[in-house]
Amino acid sequence: MSKRILIVEDEPDIREAMAEAIADAGFAVKTAENGQVGLATALEYFPDLILLDIKMPIMTGQEMLEKLRQDSWGKDVKVVMLTAMDDPRSIVTAHAGNISDYIIKAHHSLDEILNKVREALYAG
């Protein structure tokens, strides 16, 4: 059974490009356009990994992560944060939520993001 990935990203072009690349690599993919939909999807779908954008309308990625970590299943799910910002404060705050990795979108190609997904899924 293939690993399940949830992509929570408000930019449709980025969300669709990541979903296609990850699905082409053999993973099962679901997407959500904001943290509120992402949280509901995560708690229903139980993905093996969540790619979570930080800056989104309705519910930010940081707010979703905080709510996710309050759930008995969600407290341990692997999360890789996505952001357009390389603000050190955002990085520190994200890591406080016990994330697997942090990706600055502008600095990573789809192949590099896919490698980060594999590393997060299969790292000890």
Protein backbone atom coordinates (compact mmCIF):
# COMPACT_ATOMS: atom_id res chain seq x y z
CA MET A 1 0.00 0.00 0.00
CA SER A 2 1.43 3.37 -0.97
CA LYS A 3 2.14 6.06 1.61
CA ARG A 4 -0.51 8.77 1.89
CA ILE A 5 0.47 12.42 1.57
CA LEU A 6 -1.74 15.43 2.35
CA ILE A 7 -0.76 18.74 0.74
CA VAL A 8 -2.23 21.82 2.43
CA GLU A 9 -1.43 24.81 0.20
CA ASP A 10 -3.57 27.82 -0.76
CA GLU A 11 -1.85 28.54 -4.10
CA PRO A 12 -3.62 26.31 -6.68
CA ASP A 13 -0.68 26.14 -9.12
CA ILE A 14 1.78 25.11 -6.41
CA ARG A 15 -0.69 22.67 -4.84
CA GLU A 16 -1.45 20.98 -8.16
CA ALA A 17 2.20 20.80 -9.27
CA MET A 18 3.26 19.21 -5.97
CA ALA A 19 0.30 16.80 -6.01
CA GLU A 20 1.12 15.68 -9.54
CA ALA A 21 4.85 15.19 -8.83
CA ILE A 22 4.15 13.26 -5.61
CA ALA A 23 1.43 11.10 -7.22
CA ASP A 24 3.75 10.36 -10.17
CA ALA A 25 6.31 9.11 -7.63
CA GLY A 26 3.80 6.48 -6.47
CA PHE A 27 2.28 8.12 -3.40
CA ALA A 28 -1.45 8.51 -2.71
CA VAL A 29 -2.22 12.24 -2.55
CA LYS A 30 -5.01 14.42 -1.17
CA THR A 31 -5.01 18.20 -1.15
CA ALA A 32 -6.59 21.01 0.85
CA GLU A 33 -6.70 24.73 0.12
CA ASN A 34 -6.42 26.03 3.70
CA GLY A 35 -5.70 24.91 7.24
CA GLN A 36 -9.35 24.44 8.18
CA VAL A 37 -9.99 22.03 5.29
CA GLY A 38 -6.54 20.52 5.85
CA LEU A 39 -7.22 19.73 9.49
CA ALA A 40 -10.56 18.07 8.70
CA THR A 41 -8.99 16.10 5.84
CA ALA A 42 -6.03 15.00 7.99
CA LEU A 43 -8.27 13.74 10.79
CA GLU A 44 -10.39 11.80 8.28
CA TYR A 45 -7.67 10.55 5.89
CA PHE A 46 -4.82 9.89 8.38
CA PRO A 47 -1.96 10.64 5.96
CA ASP A 48 1.57 9.35 6.62
CA LEU A 49 2.91 12.85 5.95
CA ILE A 50 1.48 16.37 5.69
CA LEU A 51 3.07 19.08 3.54
CA LEU A 52 1.78 22.20 5.26
CA ASP A 53 2.03 25.77 3.98
CA ILE A 54 2.41 28.32 6.76
CA LYS A 55 0.73 31.42 5.32
CA MET A 56 -2.87 30.69 4.28
CA PRO A 57 -6.29 32.32 4.64
CA ILE A 58 -8.98 31.06 7.06
CA MET A 59 -6.55 29.00 9.19
CA THR A 60 -2.77 29.32 8.91
CA GLY A 61 -0.49 26.32 8.79
CA GLN A 62 0.83 27.15 12.25
CA GLU A 63 -2.73 27.20 13.66
CA MET A 64 -3.51 23.91 11.91
CA LEU A 65 -0.32 22.35 13.31
CA GLU A 66 -1.23 23.44 16.85
CA LYS A 67 -4.72 21.92 16.55
CA LEU A 68 -3.33 18.77 14.90
CA ARG A 69 -0.86 18.23 17.74
CA GLN A 70 -3.77 18.28 20.24
CA ASP A 71 -5.28 15.18 18.59
CA SER A 72 -4.21 11.69 19.80
CA TRP A 73 -3.35 10.62 16.23
CA GLY A 74 -2.19 14.06 15.05
CA LYS A 75 0.37 14.52 17.81
CA ASP A 76 2.73 12.08 16.05
CA VAL A 77 2.04 12.57 12.32
CA LYS A 78 5.03 13.70 10.26
CA VAL A 79 4.72 17.29 9.04
CA VAL A 80 6.93 19.20 6.62
CA MET A 81 6.23 22.93 6.69
CA LEU A 82 6.21 24.88 3.41
CA THR A 83 6.75 28.60 3.21
CA ALA A 84 7.73 31.41 0.91
CA MET A 85 9.49 33.09 3.84
CA ASP A 86 12.97 32.42 5.15
CA ASP A 87 12.30 34.40 8.31
CA PRO A 88 14.27 32.77 11.17
CA ARG A 89 11.41 33.41 13.61
CA SER A 90 8.99 31.43 11.42
CA ILE A 91 11.49 28.55 11.25
CA VAL A 92 11.92 28.46 15.04
CA THR A 93 8.14 28.62 15.60
CA ALA A 94 7.52 25.82 13.10
CA HIS A 95 10.15 23.58 14.70
CA ALA A 96 8.50 24.11 18.10
CA GLY A 97 5.56 22.15 16.64
CA ASN A 98 7.77 19.06 16.28
CA ILE A 99 8.02 19.09 12.48
CA SER A 100 10.10 16.75 10.33
CA ASP A 101 11.46 19.44 8.02
CA TYR A 102 11.00 22.97 6.70
CA ILE A 103 10.97 23.84 2.99
CA ILE A 104 11.35 27.35 1.59
CA LYS A 105 9.40 26.93 -1.67
CA ALA A 106 11.42 29.41 -3.73
CA HIS A 107 14.64 27.55 -2.87
CA HIS A 108 13.46 24.03 -3.81
CA SER A 109 12.46 22.35 -7.07
CA LEU A 110 9.68 19.74 -7.22
CA ASP A 111 12.37 17.01 -7.28
CA GLU A 112 13.97 18.43 -4.15
CA ILE A 113 10.57 18.62 -2.43
CA LEU A 114 9.95 14.99 -3.40
CA ASN A 115 13.32 14.03 -1.89
CA LYS A 116 12.35 15.84 1.34
CA VAL A 117 9.07 13.87 1.37
CA ARG A 118 10.97 10.59 1.05
CA GLU A 119 13.47 11.60 3.73
CA ALA A 120 10.69 12.55 6.16
CA LEU A 121 8.75 9.33 5.49
CA TYR A 122 11.64 6.90 5.67
CA ALA A 123 14.04 8.53 8.14
CA GLY A 124 14.50 6.53 11.33
